[in-house]
Amino acid sequence: TLSGGMAQRVALARALVVTPDLMLMDEPFASLDAITKSALQDDFLKIKKSSNLSAVLVTHDVFEAVKLADRVFVMSEGALDSEVNLRDLTDIERFERAKALLVRLKNKTRDHEPDRQ
């Protein structure tokens, strides 16, 4: 029996061996240890670049999104909310300001919503 991480690596290899034009990936690196995750992400980027692969990656990891994506979209409550400029995510000061603004906006919206019962 394969471990969770090994099974994930096998699944990724099986998906890539057929050289798809598009890959749909839902948290493909989530259950991997840090060293394996980084190595597989690097391998994925090399394959993506060399084969002109397009991928839709679902992740909750902002750092993974910045490392792997050309474009980042944010979903909220099951719907597409916005596209995030990667430059904003890599500029820590700008990211922190944007994050604080989003938290204030979310809290303000929550304060004005009627109670749902």
PDB file of N, CA and C in Angstrom:
ATOM      1  N   THR A   1       0.846  -1.189   0.000  1.00  0.00           N
ATOM      2  CA  THR A   1       0.000   0.000   0.000  1.00  0.00           C
ATOM      3  C   THR A   1       0.885   1.244   0.000  1.00  0.00           C
ATOM      4  N   LEU A   2       0.521   2.203  -0.810  1.00  0.00           N
ATOM      5  CA  LEU A   2       1.284   3.448  -0.896  1.00  0.00           C
ATOM      6  C   LEU A   2       0.852   4.420   0.191  1.00  0.00           C
ATOM      7  N   SER A   3       1.792   5.219   0.673  1.00  0.00           N
ATOM      8  CA  SER A   3       1.448   6.292   1.607  1.00  0.00           C
ATOM      9  C   SER A   3       0.655   7.352   0.852  1.00  0.00           C
ATOM     10  N   GLY A   4       0.022   8.262   1.581  1.00  0.00           N
ATOM     11  CA  GLY A   4      -0.745   9.334   0.941  1.00  0.00           C
ATOM     12  C   GLY A   4       0.112  10.176   0.016  1.00  0.00           C
ATOM     13  N   GLY A   5       1.307  10.529   0.484  1.00  0.00           N
ATOM     14  CA  GLY A   5       2.212  11.337  -0.333  1.00  0.00           C
ATOM     15  C   GLY A   5       2.680  10.604  -1.574  1.00  0.00           C
ATOM     16  N   MET A   6       2.991   9.313  -1.417  1.00  0.00           N
ATOM     17  CA  MET A   6       3.436   8.513  -2.563  1.00  0.00           C
ATOM     18  C   MET A   6       2.294   8.350  -3.565  1.00  0.00           C
ATOM     19  N   ALA A   7       1.090   8.123  -3.073  1.00  0.00           N
ATOM     20  CA  ALA A   7      -0.069   7.991  -3.964  1.00  0.00           C
ATOM     21  C   ALA A   7      -0.305   9.288  -4.733  1.00  0.00           C
ATOM     22  N   GLN A   8      -0.082  10.411  -4.063  1.00  0.00           N
ATOM     23  CA  GLN A   8      -0.257  11.703  -4.730  1.00  0.00           C
ATOM     24  C   GLN A   8       0.786  11.882  -5.838  1.00  0.00           C
ATOM     25  N   ARG A   9       2.014  11.468  -5.574  1.00  0.00           N
ATOM     26  CA  ARG A   9       3.068  11.564  -6.594  1.00  0.00           C
ATOM     27  C   ARG A   9       2.756  10.673  -7.792  1.00  0.00           C
ATOM     28  N   VAL A  10       2.268   9.473  -7.528  1.00  0.00           N
ATOM     29  CA  VAL A  10       1.911   8.557  -8.612  1.00  0.00           C
ATOM     30  C   VAL A  10       0.770   9.145  -9.439  1.00  0.00           C
ATOM     31  N   ALA A  11      -0.226   9.719  -8.772  1.00  0.00           N
ATOM     32  CA  ALA A  11      -1.365  10.311  -9.487  1.00  0.00           C
ATOM     33  C   ALA A  11      -0.910  11.462 -10.382  1.00  0.00           C
ATOM     34  N   LEU A  12      -0.010  12.295  -9.882  1.00  0.00           N
ATOM     35  CA  LEU A  12       0.503  13.409 -10.677  1.00  0.00           C
ATOM     36  C   LEU A  12       1.298  12.886 -11.877  1.00  0.00           C
ATOM     37  N   ALA A  13       2.134  11.889 -11.652  1.00  0.00           N
ATOM     38  CA  ALA A  13       2.920  11.309 -12.752  1.00  0.00           C
ATOM     39  C   ALA A  13       2.011  10.685 -13.805  1.00  0.00           C
ATOM     40  N   ARG A  14       0.973   9.971 -13.370  1.00  0.00           N
ATOM     41  CA  ARG A  14       0.032   9.356 -14.318  1.00  0.00           C
ATOM     42  C   ARG A  14      -0.676  10.414 -15.155  1.00  0.00           C
ATOM     43  N   ALA A  15      -1.020  11.531 -14.525  1.00  0.00           N
ATOM     44  CA  ALA A  15      -1.711  12.601 -15.256  1.00  0.00           C
ATOM     45  C   ALA A  15      -0.786  13.257 -16.273  1.00  0.00           C
ATOM     46  N   LEU A  16       0.483  13.393 -15.930  1.00  0.00           N
ATOM     47  CA  LEU A  16       1.426  14.087 -16.811  1.00  0.00           C
ATOM     48  C   LEU A  16       1.959  13.207 -17.938  1.00  0.00           C
ATOM     49  N   VAL A  17       1.957  11.893 -17.753  1.00  0.00           N
ATOM     50  CA  VAL A  17       2.555  11.003 -18.746  1.00  0.00           C
ATOM     51  C   VAL A  17       1.805  11.027 -20.075  1.00  0.00           C
ATOM     52  N   VAL A  18       0.532  11.372 -20.067  1.00  0.00           N
ATOM     53  CA  VAL A  18      -0.247  11.411 -21.311  1.00  0.00           C
ATOM     54  C   VAL A  18      -0.148  12.768 -22.006  1.00  0.00           C
ATOM     55  N   THR A  19       0.693  13.646 -21.494  1.00  0.00           N
ATOM     56  CA  THR A  19       0.918  15.000 -22.023  1.00  0.00           C
ATOM     57  C   THR A  19      -0.383  15.729 -22.387  1.00  0.00           C
ATOM     58  N   PRO A  20      -1.176  16.045 -21.374  1.00  0.00           N
ATOM     59  CA  PRO A  20      -2.430  16.754 -21.637  1.00  0.00           C
ATOM     60  C   PRO A  20      -2.179  18.212 -22.022  1.00  0.00           C
ATOM     61  N   ASP A  21      -3.155  18.824 -22.680  1.00  0.00           N
ATOM     62  CA  ASP A  21      -3.083  20.257 -22.970  1.00  0.00           C
ATOM     63  C   ASP A  21      -3.516  21.069 -21.756  1.00  0.00           C
ATOM     64  N   LEU A  22      -4.407  20.477 -20.953  1.00  0.00           N
ATOM     65  CA  LEU A  22      -4.962  21.153 -19.784  1.00  0.00           C
ATOM     66  C   LEU A  22      -5.068  20.164 -18.638  1.00  0.00           C
ATOM     67  N   MET A  23      -4.648  20.603 -17.450  1.00  0.00           N
ATOM     68  CA  MET A  23      -4.796  19.782 -16.248  1.00  0.00           C
ATOM     69  C   MET A  23      -5.653  20.532 -15.247  1.00  0.00           C
ATOM     70  N   LEU A  24      -6.586  19.827 -14.629  1.00  0.00           N
ATOM     71  CA  LEU A  24      -7.379  20.367 -13.534  1.00  0.00           C
ATOM     72  C   LEU A  24      -6.837  19.738 -12.260  1.00  0.00           C
ATOM     73  N   MET A  25      -6.355  20.572 -11.339  1.00  0.00           N
ATOM     74  CA  MET A  25      -5.660  20.067 -10.161  1.00  0.00           C
ATOM     75  C   MET A  25      -6.288  20.646  -8.897  1.00  0.00           C
ATOM     76  N   ASP A  26      -6.762  19.780  -8.014  1.00  0.00           N
ATOM     77  CA  ASP A  26      -7.385  20.205  -6.768  1.00  0.00           C
ATOM     78  C   ASP A  26      -6.469  19.837  -5.609  1.00  0.00           C
ATOM     79  N   GLU A  27      -5.789  20.832  -5.059  1.00  0.00           N
ATOM     80  CA  GLU A  27      -4.854  20.643  -3.943  1.00  0.00           C
ATOM     81  C   GLU A  27      -3.867  19.500  -4.210  1.00  0.00           C
ATOM     82  N   PRO A  28      -3.162  19.519  -5.345  1.00  0.00           N
ATOM     83  CA  PRO A  28      -2.314  18.381  -5.705  1.00  0.00           C
ATOM     84  C   PRO A  28      -1.102  18.178  -4.801  1.00  0.00           C
ATOM     85  N   PHE A  29      -0.705  19.199  -4.065  1.00  0.00           N
ATOM     86  CA  PHE A  29       0.496  19.081  -3.238  1.00  0.00           C
ATOM     87  C   PHE A  29       0.173  19.184  -1.744  1.00  0.00           C
ATOM     88  N   ALA A  30      -1.101  19.114  -1.393  1.00  0.00           N
ATOM     89  CA  ALA A  30      -1.548  19.420  -0.034  1.00  0.00           C
ATOM     90  C   ALA A  30      -1.000  18.481   1.038  1.00  0.00           C
ATOM     91  N   SER A  31      -0.968  17.197   0.797  1.00  0.00           N
ATOM     92  CA  SER A  31      -0.595  16.273   1.875  1.00  0.00           C
ATOM     93  C   SER A  31       0.864  15.824   1.814  1.00  0.00           C
ATOM     94  N   LEU A  32       1.686  16.579   1.130  1.00  0.00           N
ATOM     95  CA  LEU A  32       3.097  16.216   0.997  1.00  0.00           C
ATOM     96  C   LEU A  32       3.944  16.937   2.041  1.00  0.00           C
ATOM     97  N   ASP A  33       5.039  16.300   2.437  1.00  0.00           N
ATOM     98  CA  ASP A  33       5.971  16.981   3.328  1.00  0.00           C
ATOM     99  C   ASP A  33       6.632  18.125   2.558  1.00  0.00           C
ATOM    100  N   ALA A  34       7.199  19.072   3.275  1.00  0.00           N
ATOM    101  CA  ALA A  34       7.715  20.308   2.669  1.00  0.00           C
ATOM    102  C   ALA A  34       8.765  20.054   1.592  1.00  0.00           C
ATOM    103  N   ILE A  35       9.672  19.127   1.818  1.00  0.00           N
ATOM    104  CA  ILE A  35      10.747  18.868   0.856  1.00  0.00           C
ATOM    105  C   ILE A  35      10.188  18.249  -0.422  1.00  0.00           C
ATOM    106  N   THR A  36       9.323  17.254  -0.265  1.00  0.00           N
ATOM    107  CA  THR A  36       8.717  16.610  -1.434  1.00  0.00           C
ATOM    108  C   THR A  36       7.828  17.588  -2.183  1.00  0.00           C
ATOM    109  N   LYS A  37       7.063  18.396  -1.434  1.00  0.00           N
ATOM    110  CA  LYS A  37       6.172  19.383  -2.049  1.00  0.00           C
ATOM    111  C   LYS A  37       6.970  20.346  -2.919  1.00  0.00           C
ATOM    112  N   SER A  38       8.047  20.881  -2.387  1.00  0.00           N
ATOM    113  CA  SER A  38       8.861  21.838  -3.134  1.00  0.00           C
ATOM    114  C   SER A  38       9.466  21.193  -4.378  1.00  0.00           C
ATOM    115  N   ALA A  39       9.974  19.968  -4.233  1.00  0.00           N
ATOM    116  CA  ALA A  39      10.581  19.268  -5.374  1.00  0.00           C
ATOM    117  C   ALA A  39       9.546  18.995  -6.465  1.00  0.00           C
ATOM    118  N   LEU A  40       8.355  18.540  -6.075  1.00  0.00           N
ATOM    119  CA  LEU A  40       7.316  18.253  -7.066  1.00  0.00           C
ATOM    120  C   LEU A  40       6.796  19.526  -7.721  1.00  0.00           C
ATOM    121  N   GLN A  41       6.702  20.599  -6.948  1.00  0.00           N
ATOM    122  CA  GLN A  41       6.280  21.874  -7.536  1.00  0.00           C
ATOM    123  C   GLN A  41       7.295  22.332  -8.581  1.00  0.00           C
ATOM    124  N   ASP A  42       8.575  22.204  -8.249  1.00  0.00           N
ATOM    125  CA  ASP A  42       9.619  22.581  -9.209  1.00  0.00           C
ATOM    126  C   ASP A  42       9.539  21.714 -10.468  1.00  0.00           C
ATOM    127  N   ASP A  43       9.351  20.405 -10.282  1.00  0.00           N
ATOM    128  CA  ASP A  43       9.211  19.499 -11.433  1.00  0.00           C
ATOM    129  C   ASP A  43       7.990  19.877 -12.266  1.00  0.00           C
ATOM    130  N   PHE A  44       6.879  20.174 -11.593  1.00  0.00           N
ATOM    131  CA  PHE A  44       5.658  20.565 -12.295  1.00  0.00           C
ATOM    132  C   PHE A  44       5.896  21.822 -13.128  1.00  0.00           C
ATOM    133  N   LEU A  45       6.587  22.812 -12.559  1.00  0.00           N
ATOM    134  CA  LEU A  45       6.866  24.050 -13.302  1.00  0.00           C
ATOM    135  C   LEU A  45       7.711  23.779 -14.541  1.00  0.00           C
ATOM    136  N   LYS A  46       8.713  22.903 -14.418  1.00  0.00           N
ATOM    137  CA  LYS A  46       9.549  22.560 -15.573  1.00  0.00           C
ATOM    138  C   LYS A  46       8.721  21.887 -16.665  1.00  0.00           C
ATOM    139  N   ILE A  47       7.880  20.935 -16.259  1.00  0.00           N
ATOM    140  CA  ILE A  47       7.031  20.228 -17.230  1.00  0.00           C
ATOM    141  C   ILE A  47       6.038  21.192 -17.854  1.00  0.00           C
ATOM    142  N   LYS A  48       5.445  22.043 -17.029  1.00  0.00           N
ATOM    143  CA  LYS A  48       4.468  23.023 -17.524  1.00  0.00           C
ATOM    144  C   LYS A  48       5.094  23.918 -18.587  1.00  0.00           C
ATOM    145  N   LYS A  49       6.304  24.368 -18.314  1.00  0.00           N
ATOM    146  CA  LYS A  49       6.987  25.266 -19.248  1.00  0.00           C
ATOM    147  C   LYS A  49       7.426  24.524 -20.514  1.00  0.00           C
ATOM    148  N   SER A  50       8.019  23.356 -20.356  1.00  0.00           N
ATOM    149  CA  SER A  50       8.559  22.645 -21.521  1.00  0.00           C
ATOM    150  C   SER A  50       7.475  22.081 -22.435  1.00  0.00           C
ATOM    151  N   SER A  51       6.304  21.786 -21.880  1.00  0.00           N
ATOM    152  CA  SER A  51       5.242  21.193 -22.705  1.00  0.00           C
ATOM    153  C   SER A  51       4.115  22.170 -23.014  1.00  0.00           C
ATOM    154  N   ASN A  52       4.281  23.433 -22.597  1.00  0.00           N
ATOM    155  CA  ASN A  52       3.254  24.451 -22.824  1.00  0.00           C
ATOM    156  C   ASN A  52       1.908  24.016 -22.236  1.00  0.00           C
ATOM    157  N   LEU A  53       1.960  23.421 -21.056  1.00  0.00           N
ATOM    158  CA  LEU A  53       0.790  22.902 -20.365  1.00  0.00           C
ATOM    159  C   LEU A  53       0.016  24.031 -19.696  1.00  0.00           C
ATOM    160  N   SER A  54      -1.290  24.002 -19.833  1.00  0.00           N
ATOM    161  CA  SER A  54      -2.165  24.906 -19.083  1.00  0.00           C
ATOM    162  C   SER A  54      -2.742  24.115 -17.923  1.00  0.00           C
ATOM    163  N   ALA A  55      -2.898  24.773 -16.787  1.00  0.00           N
ATOM    164  CA  ALA A  55      -3.434  24.080 -15.614  1.00  0.00           C
ATOM    165  C   ALA A  55      -4.338  25.017 -14.831  1.00  0.00           C
ATOM    166  N   VAL A  56      -5.384  24.438 -14.290  1.00  0.00           N
ATOM    167  CA  VAL A  56      -6.239  25.132 -13.336  1.00  0.00           C
ATOM    168  C   VAL A  56      -5.944  24.477 -11.996  1.00  0.00           C
ATOM    169  N   LEU A  57      -5.402  25.258 -11.082  1.00  0.00           N
ATOM    170  CA  LEU A  57      -4.957  24.752  -9.790  1.00  0.00           C
ATOM    171  C   LEU A  57      -5.830  25.336  -8.692  1.00  0.00           C
ATOM    172  N   VAL A  58      -6.426  24.472  -7.897  1.00  0.00           N
ATOM    173  CA  VAL A  58      -7.192  24.909  -6.732  1.00  0.00           C
ATOM    174  C   VAL A  58      -6.295  24.716  -5.523  1.00  0.00           C
ATOM    175  N   THR A  59      -6.098  25.783  -4.753  1.00  0.00           N
ATOM    176  CA  THR A  59      -5.266  25.692  -3.561  1.00  0.00           C
ATOM    177  C   THR A  59      -5.721  26.714  -2.536  1.00  0.00           C
ATOM    178  N   HIS A  60      -5.471  26.405  -1.273  1.00  0.00           N
ATOM    179  CA  HIS A  60      -5.712  27.363  -0.197  1.00  0.00           C
ATOM    180  C   HIS A  60      -4.389  27.984   0.253  1.00  0.00           C
ATOM    181  N   ASP A  61      -3.308  27.603  -0.384  1.00  0.00           N
ATOM    182  CA  ASP A  61      -1.962  28.036  -0.015  1.00  0.00           C
ATOM    183  C   ASP A  61      -1.536  29.197  -0.910  1.00  0.00           C
ATOM    184  N   VAL A  62      -1.497  30.403  -0.331  1.00  0.00           N
ATOM    185  CA  VAL A  62      -1.150  31.605  -1.100  1.00  0.00           C
ATOM    186  C   VAL A  62       0.256  31.489  -1.682  1.00  0.00           C
ATOM    187  N   PHE A  63       1.196  30.945  -0.912  1.00  0.00           N
ATOM    188  CA  PHE A  63       2.573  30.831  -1.393  1.00  0.00           C
ATOM    189  C   PHE A  63       2.651  29.871  -2.584  1.00  0.00           C
ATOM    190  N   GLU A  64       1.873  28.801  -2.535  1.00  0.00           N
ATOM    191  CA  GLU A  64       1.823  27.863  -3.654  1.00  0.00           C
ATOM    192  C   GLU A  64       1.244  28.544  -4.891  1.00  0.00           C
ATOM    193  N   ALA A  65       0.210  29.330  -4.694  1.00  0.00           N
ATOM    194  CA  ALA A  65      -0.406  30.048  -5.820  1.00  0.00           C
ATOM    195  C   ALA A  65       0.597  30.986  -6.474  1.00  0.00           C
ATOM    196  N   VAL A  66       1.333  31.722  -5.653  1.00  0.00           N
ATOM    197  CA  VAL A  66       2.324  32.663  -6.187  1.00  0.00           C
ATOM    198  C   VAL A  66       3.424  31.922  -6.933  1.00  0.00           C
ATOM    199  N   LYS A  67       3.865  30.787  -6.391  1.00  0.00           N
ATOM    200  CA  LYS A  67       4.952  30.026  -7.012  1.00  0.00           C
ATOM    201  C   LYS A  67       4.528  29.393  -8.336  1.00  0.00           C
ATOM    202  N   LEU A  68       3.311  28.880  -8.411  1.00  0.00           N
ATOM    203  CA  LEU A  68       2.915  28.057  -9.548  1.00  0.00           C
ATOM    204  C   LEU A  68       2.062  28.756 -10.597  1.00  0.00           C
ATOM    205  N   ALA A  69       1.432  29.852 -10.237  1.00  0.00           N
ATOM    206  CA  ALA A  69       0.423  30.424 -11.131  1.00  0.00           C
ATOM    207  C   ALA A  69       0.929  31.593 -11.957  1.00  0.00           C
ATOM    208  N   ASP A  70       0.341  31.723 -13.128  1.00  0.00           N
ATOM    209  CA  ASP A  70       0.530  32.918 -13.942  1.00  0.00           C
ATOM    210  C   ASP A  70      -0.545  33.945 -13.590  1.00  0.00           C
ATOM    211  N   ARG A  71      -1.715  33.443 -13.223  1.00  0.00           N
ATOM    212  CA  ARG A  71      -2.841  34.292 -12.829  1.00  0.00           C
ATOM    213  C   ARG A  71      -3.502  33.648 -11.612  1.00  0.00           C
ATOM    214  N   VAL A  72      -3.952  34.479 -10.671  1.00  0.00           N
ATOM    215  CA  VAL A  72      -4.602  33.982  -9.460  1.00  0.00           C
ATOM    216  C   VAL A  72      -5.994  34.591  -9.363  1.00  0.00           C
ATOM    217  N   PHE A  73      -6.972  33.728  -9.161  1.00  0.00           N
ATOM    218  CA  PHE A  73      -8.348  34.166  -8.956  1.00  0.00           C
ATOM    219  C   PHE A  73      -8.780  33.727  -7.568  1.00  0.00           C
ATOM    220  N   VAL A  74      -9.549  34.566  -6.906  1.00  0.00           N
ATOM    221  CA  VAL A  74     -10.031  34.274  -5.562  1.00  0.00           C
ATOM    222  C   VAL A  74     -11.505  33.911  -5.645  1.00  0.00           C
ATOM    223  N   MET A  75     -11.858  32.838  -4.946  1.00  0.00           N
ATOM    224  CA  MET A  75     -13.268  32.450  -4.872  1.00  0.00           C
ATOM    225  C   MET A  75     -13.762  32.719  -3.465  1.00  0.00           C
ATOM    226  N   SER A  76     -15.011  33.100  -3.370  1.00  0.00           N
ATOM    227  CA  SER A  76     -15.633  33.350  -2.077  1.00  0.00           C
ATOM    228  C   SER A  76     -17.040  32.780  -2.108  1.00  0.00           C
ATOM    229  N   GLU A  77     -17.344  31.948  -1.132  1.00  0.00           N
ATOM    230  CA  GLU A  77     -18.666  31.335  -1.027  1.00  0.00           C
ATOM    231  C   GLU A  77     -19.082  30.641  -2.323  1.00  0.00           C
ATOM    232  N   GLY A  78     -18.122  29.957  -2.951  1.00  0.00           N
ATOM    233  CA  GLY A  78     -18.411  29.160  -4.134  1.00  0.00           C
ATOM    234  C   GLY A  78     -18.492  29.917  -5.444  1.00  0.00           C
ATOM    235  N   ALA A  79     -18.181  31.211  -5.420  1.00  0.00           N
ATOM    236  CA  ALA A  79     -18.258  32.014  -6.644  1.00  0.00           C
ATOM    237  C   ALA A  79     -16.943  32.749  -6.869  1.00  0.00           C
ATOM    238  N   LEU A  80     -16.631  32.995  -8.136  1.00  0.00           N
ATOM    239  CA  LEU A  80     -15.438  33.759  -8.480  1.00  0.00           C
ATOM    240  C   LEU A  80     -15.596  35.174  -7.943  1.00  0.00           C
ATOM    241  N   ASP A  81     -14.634  35.607  -7.144  1.00  0.00           N
ATOM    242  CA  ASP A  81     -14.715  36.915  -6.503  1.00  0.00           C
ATOM    243  C   ASP A  81     -13.880  37.951  -7.237  1.00  0.00           C
ATOM    244  N   SER A  82     -12.601  37.610  -7.499  1.00  0.00           N
ATOM    245  CA  SER A  82     -11.733  38.599  -8.135  1.00  0.00           C
ATOM    246  C   SER A  82     -10.445  37.951  -8.622  1.00  0.00           C
ATOM    247  N   GLU A  83      -9.738  38.690  -9.466  1.00  0.00           N
ATOM    248  CA  GLU A  83      -8.392  38.292  -9.872  1.00  0.00           C
ATOM    249  C   GLU A  83      -7.426  39.095  -9.017  1.00  0.00           C
ATOM    250  N   VAL A  84      -6.391  38.431  -8.539  1.00  0.00           N
ATOM    251  CA  VAL A  84      -5.399  39.078  -7.689  1.00  0.00           C
ATOM    252  C   VAL A  84      -4.138  39.301  -8.504  1.00  0.00           C
ATOM    253  N   ASN A  85      -3.599  40.489  -8.412  1.00  0.00           N
ATOM    254  CA  ASN A  85      -2.344  40.809  -9.081  1.00  0.00           C
ATOM    255  C   ASN A  85      -1.214  40.125  -8.309  1.00  0.00           C
ATOM    256  N   LEU A  86      -0.450  39.263  -8.966  1.00  0.00           N
ATOM    257  CA  LEU A  86       0.633  38.547  -8.289  1.00  0.00           C
ATOM    258  C   LEU A  86       1.661  39.496  -7.692  1.00  0.00           C
ATOM    259  N   ARG A  87       1.846  40.650  -8.299  1.00  0.00           N
ATOM    260  CA  ARG A  87       2.780  41.637  -7.762  1.00  0.00           C
ATOM    261  C   ARG A  87       2.347  42.061  -6.357  1.00  0.00           C
ATOM    262  N   ASP A  88       1.023  42.173  -6.139  1.00  0.00           N
ATOM    263  CA  ASP A  88       0.523  42.543  -4.821  1.00  0.00           C
ATOM    264  C   ASP A  88       0.819  41.462  -3.791  1.00  0.00           C
ATOM    265  N   LEU A  89       0.808  40.209  -4.214  1.00  0.00           N
ATOM    266  CA  LEU A  89       1.059  39.117  -3.286  1.00  0.00           C
ATOM    267  C   LEU A  89       2.534  38.982  -2.939  1.00  0.00           C
ATOM    268  N   THR A  90       3.417  39.389  -3.826  1.00  0.00           N
ATOM    269  CA  THR A  90       4.848  39.249  -3.555  1.00  0.00           C
ATOM    270  C   THR A  90       5.426  40.482  -2.872  1.00  0.00           C
ATOM    271  N   ASP A  91       4.710  41.589  -2.901  1.00  0.00           N
ATOM    272  CA  ASP A  91       5.118  42.790  -2.174  1.00  0.00           C
ATOM    273  C   ASP A  91       4.441  42.713  -0.805  1.00  0.00           C
ATOM    274  N   ILE A  92       5.201  42.289   0.217  1.00  0.00           N
ATOM    275  CA  ILE A  92       4.631  41.998   1.534  1.00  0.00           C
ATOM    276  C   ILE A  92       3.872  43.192   2.102  1.00  0.00           C
ATOM    277  N   GLU A  93       4.440  44.376   1.998  1.00  0.00           N
ATOM    278  CA  GLU A  93       3.777  45.557   2.556  1.00  0.00           C
ATOM    279  C   GLU A  93       2.434  45.790   1.859  1.00  0.00           C
ATOM    280  N   ARG A  94       2.426  45.718   0.553  1.00  0.00           N
ATOM    281  CA  ARG A  94       1.194  45.923  -0.208  1.00  0.00           C
ATOM    282  C   ARG A  94       0.201  44.798   0.095  1.00  0.00           C
ATOM    283  N   PHE A  95       0.716  43.569   0.220  1.00  0.00           N
ATOM    284  CA  PHE A  95      -0.149  42.435   0.534  1.00  0.00           C
ATOM    285  C   PHE A  95      -0.808  42.618   1.894  1.00  0.00           C
ATOM    286  N   GLU A  96      -0.025  43.039   2.885  1.00  0.00           N
ATOM    287  CA  GLU A  96      -0.576  43.234   4.230  1.00  0.00           C
ATOM    288  C   GLU A  96      -1.636  44.329   4.232  1.00  0.00           C
ATOM    289  N   ARG A  97      -1.412  45.404   3.479  1.00  0.00           N
ATOM    290  CA  ARG A  97      -2.421  46.473   3.391  1.00  0.00           C
ATOM    291  C   ARG A  97      -3.692  45.945   2.739  1.00  0.00           C
ATOM    292  N   ALA A  98      -3.531  45.189   1.652  1.00  0.00           N
ATOM    293  CA  ALA A  98      -4.697  44.638   0.959  1.00  0.00           C
ATOM    294  C   ALA A  98      -5.444  43.659   1.862  1.00  0.00           C
ATOM    295  N   LYS A  99      -4.694  42.850   2.583  1.00  0.00           N
ATOM    296  CA  LYS A  99      -5.308  41.880   3.484  1.00  0.00           C
ATOM    297  C   LYS A  99      -6.089  42.595   4.593  1.00  0.00           C
ATOM    298  N   ALA A 100      -5.491  43.628   5.183  1.00  0.00           N
ATOM    299  CA  ALA A 100      -6.168  44.386   6.240  1.00  0.00           C
ATOM    300  C   ALA A 100      -7.442  45.038   5.712  1.00  0.00           C
ATOM    301  N   LEU A 101      -7.371  45.573   4.509  1.00  0.00           N
ATOM    302  CA  LEU A 101      -8.545  46.196   3.902  1.00  0.00           C
ATOM    303  C   LEU A 101      -9.653  45.162   3.693  1.00  0.00           C
ATOM    304  N   LEU A 102      -9.291  43.986   3.213  1.00  0.00           N
ATOM    305  CA  LEU A 102     -10.287  42.935   3.000  1.00  0.00           C
ATOM    306  C   LEU A 102     -10.926  42.494   4.311  1.00  0.00           C
ATOM    307  N   VAL A 103     -10.131  42.390   5.366  1.00  0.00           N
ATOM    308  CA  VAL A 103     -10.674  42.004   6.672  1.00  0.00           C
ATOM    309  C   VAL A 103     -11.644  43.067   7.168  1.00  0.00           C
ATOM    310  N   ARG A 104     -11.263  44.349   7.051  1.00  0.00           N
ATOM    311  CA  ARG A 104     -12.165  45.435   7.479  1.00  0.00           C
ATOM    312  C   ARG A 104     -13.451  45.413   6.670  1.00  0.00           C
ATOM    313  N   LEU A 105     -13.323  45.231   5.364  1.00  0.00           N
ATOM    314  CA  LEU A 105     -14.497  45.201   4.499  1.00  0.00           C
ATOM    315  C   LEU A 105     -15.409  44.029   4.860  1.00  0.00           C
ATOM    316  N   LYS A 106     -14.819  42.874   5.100  1.00  0.00           N
ATOM    317  CA  LYS A 106     -15.609  41.701   5.462  1.00  0.00           C
ATOM    318  C   LYS A 106     -16.331  41.934   6.783  1.00  0.00           C
ATOM    319  N   ASN A 107     -15.631  42.505   7.768  1.00  0.00           N
ATOM    320  CA  ASN A 107     -16.252  42.776   9.064  1.00  0.00           C
ATOM    321  C   ASN A 107     -17.359  43.811   8.933  1.00  0.00           C
ATOM    322  N   LYS A 108     -17.129  44.834   8.126  1.00  0.00           N
ATOM    323  CA  LYS A 108     -18.137  45.874   7.923  1.00  0.00           C
ATOM    324  C   LYS A 108     -19.377  45.282   7.260  1.00  0.00           C
ATOM    325  N   THR A 109     -19.174  44.441   6.258  1.00  0.00           N
ATOM    326  CA  THR A 109     -20.288  43.792   5.572  1.00  0.00           C
ATOM    327  C   THR A 109     -21.056  42.907   6.542  1.00  0.00           C
ATOM    328  N   ARG A 110     -20.327  42.161   7.362  1.00  0.00           N
ATOM    329  CA  ARG A 110     -20.956  41.267   8.328  1.00  0.00           C
ATOM    330  C   ARG A 110     -21.792  42.061   9.331  1.00  0.00           C
ATOM    331  N   ASP A 111     -21.302  43.246   9.752  1.00  0.00           N
ATOM    332  CA  ASP A 111     -22.027  44.074  10.715  1.00  0.00           C
ATOM    333  C   ASP A 111     -23.350  44.575  10.158  1.00  0.00           C
ATOM    334  N   HIS A 112     -23.441  44.717   8.840  1.00  0.00           N
ATOM    335  CA  HIS A 112     -24.647  45.256   8.217  1.00  0.00           C
ATOM    336  C   HIS A 112     -25.581  44.190   7.663  1.00  0.00           C
ATOM    337  N   GLU A 113     -25.199  42.924   7.794  1.00  0.00           N
ATOM    338  CA  GLU A 113     -26.062  41.852   7.301  1.00  0.00           C
ATOM    339  C   GLU A 113     -27.123  41.536   8.340  1.00  0.00           C
ATOM    340  N   PRO A 114     -28.356  41.274   7.897  1.00  0.00           N
ATOM    341  CA  PRO A 114     -29.377  40.834   8.853  1.00  0.00           C
ATOM    342  C   PRO A 114     -29.025  39.446   9.373  1.00  0.00           C
ATOM    343  N   ASP A 115     -29.414  39.172  10.600  1.00  0.00           N
ATOM    344  CA  ASP A 115     -29.156  37.847  11.167  1.00  0.00           C
ATOM    345  C   ASP A 115     -29.880  36.793  10.357  1.00  0.00           C
ATOM    346  N   ARG A 116     -29.172  35.723  10.044  1.00  0.00           N
ATOM    347  CA  ARG A 116     -29.770  34.615   9.286  1.00  0.00           C
ATOM    348  C   ARG A 116     -30.165  33.521  10.267  1.00  0.00           C
ATOM    349  N   GLN A 117     -31.428  33.191  10.273  1.00  0.00           N
ATOM    350  CA  GLN A 117     -31.889  32.137  11.182  1.00  0.00           C
ATOM    351  C   GLN A 117     -32.779  31.181  10.485  1.00  0.00           C
TER     352      GLN A 117
END
